[in-house]
N, C-alpha and C. Protein backbone atom coordinates (compact mmCIF):
# COMPACT_ATOMS: atom_id res chain seq x y z
N MET A 1 172.25 -70.52 -45.90
CA MET A 1 171.27 -71.79 -45.40
C MET A 1 171.95 -73.12 -46.34
N SER A 2 171.94 -73.78 -45.53
CA SER A 2 172.62 -75.39 -45.91
C SER A 2 171.57 -75.82 -47.28
N PRO A 3 172.04 -76.36 -48.13
CA PRO A 3 171.17 -77.12 -49.23
C PRO A 3 170.04 -78.17 -48.54
N HIS A 4 170.56 -78.77 -47.41
CA HIS A 4 169.52 -79.82 -46.65
C HIS A 4 168.55 -78.99 -45.87
N ARG A 5 168.92 -78.04 -45.43
CA ARG A 5 167.92 -77.02 -44.79
C ARG A 5 166.79 -76.39 -45.88
N VAL A 6 167.33 -76.00 -47.00
CA VAL A 6 166.37 -75.41 -48.19
C VAL A 6 165.43 -76.66 -48.50
N LEU A 7 165.97 -77.94 -48.90
CA LEU A 7 165.39 -79.08 -49.18
C LEU A 7 164.33 -79.48 -48.51
N SER A 8 164.70 -79.30 -47.01
CA SER A 8 163.64 -79.73 -45.80
C SER A 8 162.48 -78.41 -45.77
N SER A 9 162.79 -77.57 -45.92
CA SER A 9 161.79 -76.57 -46.20
C SER A 9 160.78 -76.53 -47.29
N PHE A 10 161.37 -76.67 -48.51
CA PHE A 10 160.77 -77.13 -49.49
C PHE A 10 159.97 -78.23 -49.50
N LEU A 11 160.45 -79.09 -49.15
CA LEU A 11 159.34 -80.39 -48.88
C LEU A 11 158.25 -80.40 -47.93
N THR A 12 158.54 -79.59 -46.75
CA THR A 12 157.73 -79.17 -45.71
C THR A 12 156.59 -78.37 -46.36
N ILE A 13 156.88 -77.29 -47.37
CA ILE A 13 155.76 -76.51 -47.95
C ILE A 13 155.07 -77.32 -49.12
N LEU A 14 155.64 -78.03 -49.62
CA LEU A 14 155.15 -78.99 -50.43
C LEU A 14 154.14 -80.20 -49.93
N LEU A 15 154.59 -80.44 -48.83
CA LEU A 15 153.92 -81.30 -48.22
C LEU A 15 152.42 -80.67 -47.74
N CYS A 16 152.55 -79.80 -47.18
CA CYS A 16 151.60 -78.92 -46.56
C CYS A 16 150.59 -78.58 -47.86
N PHE A 17 151.15 -77.94 -48.98
CA PHE A 17 150.27 -77.70 -50.14
C PHE A 17 149.64 -78.72 -50.68
N GLY A 18 150.10 -80.15 -50.71
CA GLY A 18 149.65 -81.10 -51.50
C GLY A 18 148.81 -81.78 -50.49
N SER A 19 148.78 -81.82 -49.34
CA SER A 19 147.66 -82.15 -48.44
C SER A 19 146.48 -81.58 -48.45
N GLY A 20 146.81 -80.09 -48.54
CA GLY A 20 145.42 -79.09 -48.89
C GLY A 20 144.71 -79.21 -50.09
N LEU A 21 145.42 -79.74 -50.87
CA LEU A 21 144.99 -80.04 -52.19
C LEU A 21 144.10 -81.50 -52.14
N THR A 22 144.67 -82.26 -51.41
CA THR A 22 144.02 -83.81 -51.22
C THR A 22 142.38 -83.52 -50.51
N TRP A 23 142.87 -82.58 -49.43
CA TRP A 23 141.60 -82.36 -48.52
C TRP A 23 140.68 -81.73 -49.42
N ALA A 24 141.01 -80.60 -50.32
CA ALA A 24 140.10 -79.96 -51.01
C ALA A 24 139.50 -80.72 -52.19
N ASN A 25 139.95 -81.67 -52.72
CA ASN A 25 139.71 -82.56 -53.66
C ASN A 25 138.68 -83.59 -53.02
N GLY A 26 139.01 -84.10 -51.87
CA GLY A 26 137.94 -85.11 -51.27
C GLY A 26 136.79 -84.38 -50.77
N SER A 27 137.07 -82.87 -50.30
CA SER A 27 135.72 -82.32 -49.84
C SER A 27 134.75 -81.94 -51.14
N ALA A 28 135.33 -81.58 -52.26
CA ALA A 28 134.66 -81.38 -53.76
C ALA A 28 134.29 -82.61 -54.06
N GLU A 29 134.69 -83.74 -53.74
CA GLU A 29 134.09 -85.18 -54.23
C GLU A 29 132.68 -85.58 -53.53
N ILE A 30 133.25 -85.19 -51.89
CA ILE A 30 131.88 -85.53 -51.39
C ILE A 30 130.81 -84.56 -51.52
N GLU A 31 130.92 -83.03 -51.87
CA GLU A 31 130.00 -82.05 -52.22
C GLU A 31 129.33 -82.50 -53.40
N GLU A 32 129.96 -83.13 -54.53
CA GLU A 32 129.48 -83.56 -55.61
C GLU A 32 128.44 -84.94 -55.20
N LEU A 33 129.06 -85.76 -54.65
CA LEU A 33 128.36 -87.03 -54.28
C LEU A 33 126.83 -86.27 -53.75
N ILE A 34 126.91 -85.44 -52.76
CA ILE A 34 125.52 -84.90 -52.16
C ILE A 34 124.98 -84.54 -53.37
N ARG A 35 125.34 -83.86 -54.14
CA ARG A 35 124.61 -82.89 -55.19
C ARG A 35 123.69 -83.93 -55.93
N ASN A 36 124.29 -85.42 -55.97
CA ASN A 36 123.96 -86.34 -57.08
C ASN A 36 123.12 -87.29 -56.11
N LYS A 37 122.82 -86.98 -54.89
CA LYS A 37 122.24 -87.60 -53.81
C LYS A 37 122.59 -89.18 -53.62
N GLN A 38 123.78 -89.59 -53.99
CA GLN A 38 124.41 -90.72 -53.63
C GLN A 38 124.82 -90.63 -52.15
N TRP A 39 123.95 -90.99 -51.30
CA TRP A 39 124.22 -90.54 -49.84
C TRP A 39 125.09 -91.64 -49.07
N THR A 40 125.01 -93.14 -49.68
CA THR A 40 125.67 -94.01 -48.78
C THR A 40 127.35 -93.85 -49.07
N LEU A 41 127.73 -93.46 -50.69
CA LEU A 41 128.69 -93.29 -51.03
C LEU A 41 129.48 -91.92 -50.33
N ALA A 42 128.79 -90.95 -50.44
CA ALA A 42 129.02 -89.60 -49.61
C ALA A 42 129.48 -89.85 -48.06
N GLU A 43 128.72 -90.77 -47.31
CA GLU A 43 128.52 -90.84 -45.99
C GLU A 43 130.18 -91.68 -45.94
N GLN A 44 130.51 -92.59 -46.58
CA GLN A 44 131.60 -93.09 -46.62
C GLN A 44 132.92 -92.45 -46.86
N LYS A 45 132.81 -91.55 -48.06
CA LYS A 45 133.93 -90.59 -48.17
C LYS A 45 134.15 -89.85 -47.15
N LEU A 46 133.10 -89.20 -46.27
CA LEU A 46 133.00 -88.25 -45.29
C LEU A 46 133.64 -88.70 -44.27
N GLN A 47 133.31 -90.08 -44.03
CA GLN A 47 133.88 -90.72 -42.70
C GLN A 47 135.33 -90.93 -42.85
N LEU A 48 135.96 -91.41 -44.05
CA LEU A 48 137.37 -91.56 -44.44
C LEU A 48 137.91 -89.80 -44.40
N ALA A 49 137.34 -89.27 -44.71
CA ALA A 49 137.90 -87.78 -44.92
C ALA A 49 138.14 -87.36 -43.20
N ILE A 50 137.14 -87.71 -42.72
CA ILE A 50 137.25 -87.37 -41.21
C ILE A 50 138.05 -87.89 -40.29
N LYS A 51 138.57 -89.24 -40.70
CA LYS A 51 139.41 -89.80 -40.40
C LYS A 51 141.10 -89.61 -40.56
N GLN A 52 140.99 -89.18 -41.97
CA GLN A 52 142.22 -88.63 -42.34
C GLN A 52 142.58 -87.34 -41.83
N THR A 53 141.80 -86.39 -41.47
CA THR A 53 142.09 -85.21 -40.94
C THR A 53 141.97 -84.72 -39.45
N THR A 54 141.29 -85.83 -38.73
CA THR A 54 141.28 -85.78 -37.04
C THR A 54 142.49 -86.66 -36.42
N GLN A 55 143.42 -85.80 -36.00
CA GLN A 55 144.80 -86.39 -35.65
C GLN A 55 144.47 -87.41 -34.14
N THR A 56 143.72 -86.73 -33.36
CA THR A 56 143.60 -87.52 -32.06
C THR A 56 141.96 -87.47 -31.85
N PRO A 57 141.66 -88.13 -30.64
CA PRO A 57 140.21 -88.12 -30.48
C PRO A 57 139.73 -86.66 -29.67
N ALA A 58 140.43 -86.08 -29.25
CA ALA A 58 140.39 -84.40 -28.79
C ALA A 58 140.10 -83.44 -29.85
N THR A 59 140.56 -83.74 -31.43
CA THR A 59 140.43 -82.98 -32.34
C THR A 59 139.24 -82.93 -32.76
N THR A 60 138.56 -81.82 -33.09
CA THR A 60 137.28 -81.75 -33.51
C THR A 60 137.15 -81.79 -34.84
N VAL A 61 136.08 -82.24 -35.23
CA VAL A 61 135.30 -82.33 -36.68
C VAL A 61 135.35 -81.06 -37.09
N SER A 62 135.80 -80.43 -38.54
CA SER A 62 135.62 -79.42 -38.93
C SER A 62 134.08 -79.10 -39.45
N PRO A 63 133.77 -77.70 -39.11
CA PRO A 63 132.29 -77.48 -39.62
C PRO A 63 131.85 -77.80 -40.87
N GLN A 64 132.71 -77.98 -41.86
CA GLN A 64 132.48 -78.10 -43.09
C GLN A 64 131.97 -79.40 -43.27
N PHE A 65 132.69 -80.39 -42.55
CA PHE A 65 132.33 -81.87 -42.51
C PHE A 65 131.07 -81.97 -41.65
N ARG A 66 130.85 -81.30 -40.73
CA ARG A 66 129.83 -81.49 -39.68
C ARG A 66 128.35 -81.10 -40.68
N PHE A 67 128.68 -79.90 -41.47
CA PHE A 67 127.74 -79.55 -42.38
C PHE A 67 127.24 -80.55 -43.27
N MET A 68 128.34 -81.08 -43.87
CA MET A 68 128.07 -82.03 -44.81
C MET A 68 127.39 -83.50 -44.33
N SER A 69 127.77 -83.52 -43.06
CA SER A 69 127.21 -84.89 -42.55
C SER A 69 125.80 -84.44 -42.34
N SER A 70 125.19 -83.19 -41.86
CA SER A 70 123.85 -83.00 -41.70
C SER A 70 123.03 -83.24 -42.76
N GLN A 71 123.53 -82.85 -44.25
CA GLN A 71 123.17 -82.86 -45.49
C GLN A 71 122.82 -84.54 -45.77
N ILE A 72 123.66 -85.18 -45.64
CA ILE A 72 123.79 -86.72 -45.65
C ILE A 72 122.36 -87.07 -45.02
N LEU A 73 122.55 -86.87 -43.45
CA LEU A 73 121.45 -87.13 -42.85
C LEU A 73 120.27 -87.16 -43.22
N ALA A 74 120.10 -85.73 -43.57
CA ALA A 74 118.47 -85.25 -44.18
C ALA A 74 118.44 -86.22 -45.45
N GLY A 75 119.30 -86.23 -46.12
CA GLY A 75 119.06 -87.31 -47.33
C GLY A 75 118.70 -88.55 -47.13
N GLN A 76 119.02 -89.02 -46.30
CA GLN A 76 119.03 -90.53 -45.93
C GLN A 76 117.62 -90.52 -45.07
N GLY A 77 116.95 -89.25 -44.73
CA GLY A 77 115.90 -89.42 -44.07
C GLY A 77 115.74 -89.36 -42.40
N GLN A 78 117.03 -89.03 -42.21
CA GLN A 78 117.31 -89.28 -40.64
C GLN A 78 117.15 -87.34 -40.22
N LEU A 79 116.13 -86.76 -40.48
CA LEU A 79 115.71 -85.23 -40.08
C LEU A 79 116.02 -85.03 -38.60
N THR A 80 115.73 -85.77 -37.61
CA THR A 80 115.81 -85.52 -36.51
C THR A 80 117.59 -85.26 -36.01
N GLN A 81 118.37 -86.28 -36.56
CA GLN A 81 119.60 -86.24 -36.50
C GLN A 81 120.36 -85.10 -37.02
N ALA A 82 119.67 -84.92 -38.65
CA ALA A 82 120.15 -83.73 -39.09
C ALA A 82 119.84 -82.52 -38.53
N ILE A 83 118.64 -81.99 -37.86
CA ILE A 83 118.47 -81.06 -37.30
C ILE A 83 119.20 -80.89 -36.10
N GLN A 84 119.53 -81.76 -35.31
CA GLN A 84 120.30 -81.94 -34.05
C GLN A 84 121.64 -81.36 -34.50
N GLU A 85 122.38 -81.97 -35.42
CA GLU A 85 123.68 -81.45 -36.07
C GLU A 85 123.78 -79.92 -36.65
N LEU A 86 122.62 -79.67 -37.04
CA LEU A 86 122.46 -77.99 -37.54
C LEU A 86 122.39 -77.43 -36.35
N GLN A 87 121.60 -77.54 -35.21
CA GLN A 87 121.53 -76.86 -34.31
C GLN A 87 122.89 -76.64 -33.27
N ALA A 88 123.60 -77.84 -33.21
CA ALA A 88 125.06 -77.95 -32.81
C ALA A 88 125.94 -77.05 -33.28
N LEU A 89 125.93 -76.88 -34.63
CA LEU A 89 126.66 -76.30 -35.48
C LEU A 89 126.35 -74.57 -35.35
N ILE A 90 124.88 -74.22 -35.11
CA ILE A 90 124.70 -72.99 -34.91
C ILE A 90 125.03 -72.46 -33.54
N GLN A 91 125.05 -73.20 -32.31
CA GLN A 91 125.15 -73.04 -30.99
C GLN A 91 126.83 -72.57 -31.11
N GLU A 92 127.97 -73.40 -31.90
CA GLU A 92 129.31 -73.03 -32.04
C GLU A 92 129.42 -71.96 -32.83
N PHE A 93 128.75 -71.95 -34.02
CA PHE A 93 129.40 -70.91 -34.95
C PHE A 93 127.99 -70.04 -35.65
N PRO A 94 127.45 -69.24 -34.64
CA PRO A 94 126.26 -68.29 -34.62
C PRO A 94 126.50 -67.40 -36.22
N GLU A 95 127.73 -67.15 -36.57
CA GLU A 95 127.93 -66.17 -37.76
C GLU A 95 127.77 -67.06 -39.00
N LEU A 96 127.53 -68.43 -38.79
CA LEU A 96 127.38 -68.99 -40.25
C LEU A 96 126.11 -69.14 -40.59
N PRO A 97 125.85 -68.51 -41.76
CA PRO A 97 124.09 -68.67 -42.29
C PRO A 97 123.72 -69.95 -42.88
N GLU A 98 124.69 -70.63 -43.46
CA GLU A 98 124.27 -72.01 -44.10
C GLU A 98 123.61 -72.93 -43.09
N PRO A 99 124.08 -73.35 -41.89
CA PRO A 99 123.14 -74.16 -40.98
C PRO A 99 122.00 -73.53 -40.60
N TYR A 100 121.78 -72.21 -40.63
CA TYR A 100 120.35 -71.64 -40.46
C TYR A 100 119.52 -71.86 -41.66
N ASN A 101 120.08 -71.68 -42.71
CA ASN A 101 119.18 -72.00 -44.07
C ASN A 101 118.88 -73.51 -44.10
N ASN A 102 119.60 -74.27 -43.87
CA ASN A 102 119.07 -75.95 -44.03
C ASN A 102 118.36 -76.21 -42.94
N LEU A 103 118.73 -75.38 -41.87
CA LEU A 103 117.61 -75.98 -40.56
C LEU A 103 116.10 -75.25 -41.09
N GLY A 104 116.41 -74.09 -41.72
CA GLY A 104 114.81 -73.65 -42.17
C GLY A 104 114.20 -74.54 -43.16
N VAL A 105 115.12 -74.85 -44.13
CA VAL A 105 114.55 -75.74 -45.00
C VAL A 105 113.91 -77.18 -44.49
N LEU A 106 114.59 -77.76 -43.47
CA LEU A 106 114.11 -79.08 -42.82
C LEU A 106 112.66 -78.66 -42.10
N TYR A 107 112.67 -77.72 -41.20
CA TYR A 107 111.31 -77.10 -40.68
C TYR A 107 110.38 -76.96 -41.59
N ALA A 108 110.38 -76.43 -42.67
CA ALA A 108 109.56 -76.12 -43.59
C ALA A 108 109.31 -77.49 -44.24
N ALA A 109 109.85 -78.34 -44.44
CA ALA A 109 109.62 -79.78 -45.25
C ALA A 109 108.65 -80.53 -43.87
N GLN A 110 108.81 -80.14 -42.75
CA GLN A 110 107.93 -80.60 -41.75
C GLN A 110 106.66 -79.91 -41.51
N GLY A 111 106.46 -78.75 -42.05
CA GLY A 111 105.37 -78.11 -41.81
C GLY A 111 105.54 -77.25 -40.49
N GLN A 112 106.69 -76.85 -40.04
CA GLN A 112 106.96 -76.08 -39.09
C GLN A 112 107.06 -74.77 -39.43
N TYR A 113 106.33 -73.72 -39.86
CA TYR A 113 106.45 -72.72 -40.57
C TYR A 113 107.16 -71.33 -39.88
N ASP A 114 106.63 -71.58 -38.49
CA ASP A 114 107.25 -70.52 -37.68
C ASP A 114 108.54 -70.70 -37.43
N ALA A 115 109.32 -71.79 -37.19
CA ALA A 115 110.52 -72.11 -37.01
C ALA A 115 111.34 -72.19 -38.07
N ALA A 116 110.82 -72.18 -39.12
CA ALA A 116 111.50 -72.13 -40.33
C ALA A 116 111.72 -70.62 -40.85
N LEU A 117 110.67 -69.93 -40.53
CA LEU A 117 110.73 -68.32 -40.59
C LEU A 117 111.84 -67.92 -39.80
N THR A 118 111.82 -68.41 -38.33
CA THR A 118 113.06 -67.94 -37.45
C THR A 118 114.37 -68.07 -38.08
N ALA A 119 114.50 -69.64 -38.57
CA ALA A 119 115.69 -69.73 -39.02
C ALA A 119 116.08 -69.03 -40.43
N PHE A 120 115.27 -68.84 -41.54
CA PHE A 120 115.43 -67.93 -42.82
C PHE A 120 115.97 -66.81 -42.18
N THR A 121 115.25 -66.17 -41.38
CA THR A 121 115.70 -64.65 -40.87
C THR A 121 117.01 -64.73 -40.28
N SER A 122 117.48 -65.47 -39.33
CA SER A 122 119.02 -65.68 -38.91
C SER A 122 119.58 -65.69 -39.76
N ALA A 123 119.24 -66.66 -40.69
CA ALA A 123 120.52 -66.64 -42.00
C ALA A 123 120.75 -65.52 -42.45
N ILE A 124 119.47 -64.65 -43.09
CA ILE A 124 119.74 -63.41 -43.56
C ILE A 124 120.41 -62.50 -42.63
N GLN A 125 120.15 -62.49 -41.34
CA GLN A 125 120.71 -61.65 -40.43
C GLN A 125 122.22 -61.78 -40.36
N ALA A 126 122.77 -63.05 -40.58
CA ALA A 126 124.15 -63.33 -40.69
C ALA A 126 124.72 -63.13 -41.91
N ARG A 127 124.10 -63.03 -42.95
CA ARG A 127 124.60 -62.50 -44.26
C ARG A 127 123.54 -62.11 -44.96
N PRO A 128 123.26 -60.98 -44.83
CA PRO A 128 122.06 -60.05 -45.48
C PRO A 128 122.13 -60.15 -47.08
N ASN A 129 123.07 -60.67 -47.67
CA ASN A 129 123.02 -60.65 -49.21
C ASN A 129 123.03 -62.20 -49.41
N TYR A 130 122.56 -63.20 -48.75
CA TYR A 130 122.41 -64.58 -48.69
C TYR A 130 121.30 -64.96 -49.61
N LYS A 131 121.55 -64.99 -51.16
CA LYS A 131 120.33 -65.23 -52.11
C LYS A 131 119.82 -66.38 -51.63
N ILE A 132 120.11 -67.46 -51.57
CA ILE A 132 119.69 -68.61 -51.29
C ILE A 132 118.37 -68.70 -50.00
N ALA A 133 118.84 -68.14 -49.07
CA ALA A 133 118.07 -67.77 -47.49
C ALA A 133 116.96 -66.90 -48.07
N HIS A 134 117.09 -65.82 -49.24
CA HIS A 134 116.13 -65.06 -49.51
C HIS A 134 115.05 -65.72 -50.22
N GLN A 135 115.42 -66.50 -51.27
CA GLN A 135 114.56 -67.28 -52.06
C GLN A 135 113.76 -68.49 -51.25
N ASN A 136 114.60 -68.97 -50.36
CA ASN A 136 113.92 -70.01 -49.59
C ASN A 136 112.74 -69.27 -48.51
N LEU A 137 113.05 -67.86 -48.11
CA LEU A 137 112.39 -67.22 -47.37
C LEU A 137 110.95 -66.96 -48.15
N GLY A 138 111.06 -66.50 -49.29
CA GLY A 138 109.96 -66.20 -50.35
C GLY A 138 109.40 -67.31 -50.78
N ASP A 139 109.79 -68.68 -50.81
CA ASP A 139 109.10 -69.83 -50.72
C ASP A 139 108.31 -70.18 -49.55
N LEU A 140 108.83 -70.08 -48.63
CA LEU A 140 108.22 -69.99 -47.14
C LEU A 140 106.93 -69.06 -47.36
N TYR A 141 106.82 -67.90 -47.16
CA TYR A 141 105.72 -67.15 -47.35
C TYR A 141 104.90 -67.30 -48.27
N THR A 142 105.27 -67.81 -49.41
CA THR A 142 104.39 -68.51 -50.54
C THR A 142 103.55 -69.53 -49.84
N ALA A 143 104.14 -70.64 -49.18
CA ALA A 143 103.61 -71.37 -48.48
C ALA A 143 102.61 -71.35 -47.35
N MET A 144 102.95 -70.43 -46.99
CA MET A 144 102.09 -69.83 -45.68
C MET A 144 101.07 -69.11 -46.29
N ALA A 145 101.06 -68.50 -47.23
CA ALA A 145 99.96 -67.62 -47.74
C ALA A 145 99.03 -68.66 -48.72
N GLN A 146 99.64 -69.80 -49.24
CA GLN A 146 98.60 -70.82 -49.84
C GLN A 146 97.80 -71.49 -48.65
N GLN A 147 98.48 -72.01 -47.48
CA GLN A 147 97.89 -72.43 -46.33
C GLN A 147 96.79 -71.60 -45.71
N ALA A 148 97.16 -70.11 -45.61
CA ALA A 148 95.85 -69.35 -44.95
C ALA A 148 94.77 -69.41 -45.87
N PHE A 149 95.22 -69.13 -47.48
CA PHE A 149 94.14 -69.11 -48.25
C PHE A 149 92.86 -70.30 -48.36
N SER A 150 93.64 -71.58 -48.03
CA SER A 150 93.13 -72.73 -47.91
C SER A 150 92.20 -72.75 -46.60
N ARG A 151 92.75 -72.40 -45.48
CA ARG A 151 92.05 -72.07 -44.44
C ARG A 151 90.74 -71.27 -44.46
N ALA A 152 90.93 -70.09 -45.33
CA ALA A 152 89.86 -69.25 -45.37
C ALA A 152 88.83 -69.87 -46.27
N LYS A 153 89.10 -70.80 -47.34
CA LYS A 153 88.13 -71.34 -47.97
C LYS A 153 86.98 -72.11 -47.13
N ASP A 154 87.94 -73.11 -46.02
CA ASP A 154 87.14 -73.97 -45.47
C ASP A 154 86.25 -73.12 -44.24
N VAL A 155 86.55 -71.69 -44.11
CA VAL A 155 85.59 -71.14 -43.12
C VAL A 155 84.12 -70.76 -43.49
N LYS A 156 83.24 -71.30 -42.75
CA LYS A 156 81.53 -71.11 -42.97
C LYS A 156 81.33 -69.66 -42.31
N GLU A 157 80.68 -69.19 -42.99
CA GLU A 157 79.94 -67.93 -42.74
C GLU A 157 78.55 -68.26 -41.88
N GLY A 158 78.29 -67.67 -40.77
CA GLY A 158 77.15 -67.72 -39.97
C GLY A 158 77.25 -67.29 -38.54
N SER A 159 76.37 -67.69 -37.83
CA SER A 159 76.17 -67.27 -36.52
C SER A 159 77.31 -67.19 -35.68
N GLY A 160 78.37 -67.95 -35.98
CA GLY A 160 79.34 -68.21 -35.06
C GLY A 160 80.47 -67.30 -35.18
N LEU A 161 80.38 -66.44 -36.17
CA LEU A 161 81.50 -65.45 -36.60
C LEU A 161 80.97 -64.29 -35.66
N LEU A 162 82.11 -63.63 -34.98
CA LEU A 162 81.82 -62.33 -34.36
C LEU A 162 81.61 -60.93 -35.31
N PRO A 163 80.91 -60.12 -35.04
CA PRO A 163 80.61 -59.35 -35.89
C PRO A 163 81.87 -57.97 -36.19
N LEU A 164 82.04 -57.48 -37.46
CA LEU A 164 82.98 -56.66 -37.67
C LEU A 164 83.12 -55.24 -36.66
N PRO A 165 84.03 -54.89 -36.13
CA PRO A 165 83.98 -54.09 -35.11
C PRO A 165 83.70 -52.53 -35.92
N ALA A 166 83.14 -51.43 -35.26
CA ALA A 166 82.67 -50.24 -36.14
C ALA A 166 84.14 -49.60 -36.40
N PRO A 167 84.17 -48.76 -37.64
CA PRO A 167 85.34 -47.88 -38.20
C PRO A 167 85.78 -47.31 -36.82
N SER A 168 87.20 -46.88 -36.94
CA SER A 168 87.59 -45.97 -35.81
C SER A 168 87.60 -44.45 -36.47
N ALA A 169 87.21 -44.09 -37.51
CA ALA A 169 87.06 -42.87 -37.93
C ALA A 169 85.73 -42.60 -38.53
N VAL A 170 85.16 -41.62 -38.67
CA VAL A 170 84.12 -41.32 -39.17
C VAL A 170 84.19 -40.23 -40.11
N THR A 171 83.40 -40.43 -41.53
CA THR A 171 83.65 -39.33 -42.48
C THR A 171 82.22 -38.29 -42.41
N THR A 172 82.44 -37.02 -42.12
CA THR A 172 81.13 -36.31 -42.27
C THR A 172 80.78 -36.21 -43.64
N PRO A 173 79.73 -36.18 -44.10
CA PRO A 173 79.30 -35.93 -45.44
C PRO A 173 79.16 -34.44 -46.00
N THR A 174 79.25 -33.69 -45.39
CA THR A 174 79.17 -32.06 -45.39
C THR A 174 80.39 -31.32 -45.68
N THR A 175 81.63 -31.80 -44.95
CA THR A 175 82.94 -31.68 -44.97
C THR A 175 83.89 -32.37 -45.35
N LYS A 176 83.52 -33.58 -45.72
CA LYS A 176 84.35 -34.46 -46.21
C LYS A 176 85.75 -34.90 -45.20
N THR A 177 85.57 -34.66 -43.88
CA THR A 177 86.48 -34.62 -43.10
C THR A 177 86.47 -36.14 -42.37
N GLN A 178 87.62 -36.33 -41.80
CA GLN A 178 87.47 -37.41 -40.63
C GLN A 178 87.67 -37.03 -39.35
N SER A 179 86.89 -37.82 -38.38
CA SER A 179 87.21 -37.41 -37.18
C SER A 179 87.32 -38.79 -36.26
N LEU A 180 88.19 -38.84 -35.30
CA LEU A 180 87.94 -39.97 -34.40
C LEU A 180 87.14 -40.01 -33.58
N ARG A 181 86.64 -41.14 -33.07
CA ARG A 181 85.74 -41.33 -32.21
C ARG A 181 86.43 -41.45 -30.80
């Protein structure tokens, strides 16, 4: 092999490795901005990263960038757009649990508990050991129970209530056995 060819191969590998590090560092920086709720700066960095990684108009934006975009949209209060982005991700990548989980969080925040339940359940089906989705599902069940207890306190007893149905099994006092009616 000629020295020129070896050098060319080495530079190609180095360039690929270096660009991967740049992308990873940019992605980590955006994630840190999202964690710190610096939405405007995160959005700017994300748009720049998308521009750098998208070669042509036909090139699709990575699912990771789209997921981060949904987080930024939600953080900026643009819930409808965030939900739409997550739903589109789910359509294209139904095996990813994170979009389901975040969709469930957005639905729960809006009081749409049934839709949130479906989303969290789907996240857990996609990855059964997804701890965050299990925790969010537990929080959702707690909120649903509190809502049910709140409604129960508001129910007034009176003639508007239907009588309780008769039991389906009867215990006889002499034999202590049950028989179905």
